[in-house]
Amino acid sequence: MNWLRNIFRKKKQELPKRKIYCIPGFGADDKIFNNLRIDNAALVFINWLKPLPREPYKDYVLRMAEKIQEDNPVIIGVSFGGMVALEIAKIRPVKQVILVSSIKIPTSCPVNGS
């Protein structure tokens, strides 16, 4: 009978934490994610890089993407960070992009306050 009790007393096996990459909004940093808690996840913050002189946006996005070491990552992007996350998803496979206060396509942006 003790063997049966031991089965139920076994601790839950710890699953490896999945890395979730977080890109803040333009002009913000990783502090924006201070209160974010996700079970079984290790948050990895990708802060803004200093742009190179005359660097095209796509090249900048490539440099930001170099900070992501996982295959098929999950990326959370806030505001303009969400737009960068979507651009990263265009150049490499991702499992999921989570947008917070962002837009999916440029035509979603209101023009002239409309």
Protein backbone atom coordinates (compact mmCIF):
# COMPACT_ATOMS: atom_id res chain seq x y z
CA MET A 1 0.00 0.00 0.00
CA ASN A 2 2.94 2.35 0.59
CA TRP A 3 3.86 2.16 -3.07
CA LEU A 4 0.44 3.61 -3.92
CA ARG A 5 0.91 6.53 -1.54
CA ASN A 6 4.32 7.22 -3.02
CA ILE A 7 2.82 7.57 -6.48
CA PHE A 8 0.58 10.39 -5.27
CA ARG A 9 3.32 12.05 -3.23
CA LYS A 10 5.67 12.46 -6.15
CA LYS A 11 6.41 16.05 -6.93
CA LYS A 12 5.22 17.44 -10.19
CA GLN A 13 7.97 17.30 -12.73
CA GLU A 14 9.38 20.75 -13.42
CA LEU A 15 8.95 21.68 -17.05
CA PRO A 16 11.71 23.72 -18.65
CA LYS A 17 10.77 27.38 -18.84
CA ARG A 18 10.07 28.66 -22.32
CA LYS A 19 11.72 31.95 -23.21
CA ILE A 20 9.37 34.73 -24.21
CA TYR A 21 11.00 37.71 -25.86
CA CYS A 22 9.63 41.14 -24.91
CA ILE A 23 10.10 44.29 -26.97
CA PRO A 24 8.95 47.54 -25.31
CA GLY A 25 7.47 50.54 -27.05
CA PHE A 26 9.74 53.12 -28.65
CA GLY A 27 11.35 55.29 -25.99
CA ALA A 28 10.53 52.75 -23.25
CA ASP A 29 12.62 49.95 -21.77
CA ASP A 30 12.13 46.62 -20.03
CA LYS A 31 10.59 48.29 -16.95
CA ILE A 32 7.28 48.29 -18.83
CA PHE A 33 7.20 44.50 -18.26
CA ASN A 34 7.96 44.68 -14.50
CA ASN A 35 4.51 43.40 -13.49
CA LEU A 36 4.21 40.75 -16.18
CA ARG A 37 4.20 37.19 -14.82
CA ILE A 38 3.71 34.17 -17.06
CA ASP A 39 3.79 30.65 -15.62
CA ASN A 40 6.59 28.43 -16.93
CA ALA A 41 8.15 31.31 -18.85
CA ALA A 42 11.42 33.18 -18.64
CA LEU A 43 11.01 36.70 -19.97
CA VAL A 44 13.89 37.95 -22.10
CA PHE A 45 13.94 41.70 -22.70
CA ILE A 46 15.13 43.15 -25.99
CA ASN A 47 15.79 46.84 -25.48
CA TRP A 48 16.23 49.33 -28.28
CA LEU A 49 19.55 49.47 -30.08
CA LYS A 50 21.19 52.70 -31.16
CA PRO A 51 20.47 53.05 -34.88
CA LEU A 52 23.45 53.16 -37.20
CA PRO A 53 23.81 56.23 -39.42
CA ARG A 54 21.36 55.99 -42.36
CA GLU A 55 20.34 52.47 -41.26
CA PRO A 56 17.22 51.26 -43.06
CA TYR A 57 14.36 50.04 -40.85
CA LYS A 58 14.65 46.46 -42.16
CA ASP A 59 18.37 46.34 -41.27
CA TYR A 60 17.56 47.64 -37.80
CA VAL A 61 14.96 44.89 -37.39
CA LEU A 62 17.56 42.29 -38.45
CA ARG A 63 19.87 43.51 -35.69
CA MET A 64 17.04 43.33 -33.15
CA ALA A 65 16.23 39.79 -34.34
CA GLU A 66 19.83 38.71 -33.63
CA LYS A 67 19.02 39.02 -29.91
CA ILE A 68 16.57 36.11 -30.20
CA GLN A 69 18.37 32.81 -29.68
CA GLU A 70 15.42 30.39 -29.72
CA ASP A 71 13.85 28.62 -32.68
CA ASN A 72 10.18 29.50 -33.16
CA PRO A 73 10.11 32.09 -30.38
CA VAL A 74 7.14 33.74 -28.75
CA ILE A 75 7.51 37.53 -28.95
CA ILE A 76 5.51 40.15 -27.04
CA GLY A 77 5.66 43.63 -28.53
CA VAL A 78 4.24 46.79 -26.99
CA SER A 79 3.25 49.65 -29.31
CA PHE A 80 6.07 50.22 -31.83
CA GLY A 81 7.79 47.14 -30.33
CA GLY A 82 4.81 45.18 -31.65
CA MET A 83 5.48 46.46 -35.14
CA VAL A 84 9.12 45.37 -34.82
CA ALA A 85 7.94 41.95 -33.56
CA LEU A 86 5.77 41.56 -36.67
CA GLU A 87 8.72 42.48 -38.90
CA ILE A 88 10.85 39.86 -37.13
CA ALA A 89 8.09 37.32 -37.84
CA LYS A 90 8.43 38.12 -41.55
CA ILE A 91 12.13 37.19 -41.60
CA ARG A 92 12.14 34.13 -39.34
CA PRO A 93 9.68 31.52 -38.13
CA VAL A 94 7.96 32.39 -34.84
CA LYS A 95 5.49 30.44 -32.76
CA GLN A 96 3.46 33.47 -31.79
CA VAL A 97 3.51 37.26 -31.77
CA ILE A 98 1.50 38.96 -29.04
CA LEU A 99 0.67 42.60 -29.75
CA VAL A 100 -0.07 45.00 -26.91
CA SER A 101 -1.39 48.44 -27.89
CA SER A 102 -0.07 48.04 -31.43
CA ILE A 103 -1.29 47.64 -35.00
CA LYS A 104 -1.04 44.67 -37.35
CA ILE A 105 -0.70 46.58 -40.60
CA PRO A 106 0.26 50.20 -41.40
CA THR A 107 -3.17 50.92 -42.87
CA SER A 108 -4.65 50.38 -39.38
CA CYS A 109 -2.94 53.56 -38.23
CA PRO A 110 -5.28 56.57 -38.09
CA VAL A 111 -4.18 59.30 -40.48
CA ASN A 112 -4.55 63.01 -39.65
CA GLY A 113 -6.50 62.24 -36.50
CA SER A 114 -9.30 60.43 -38.38
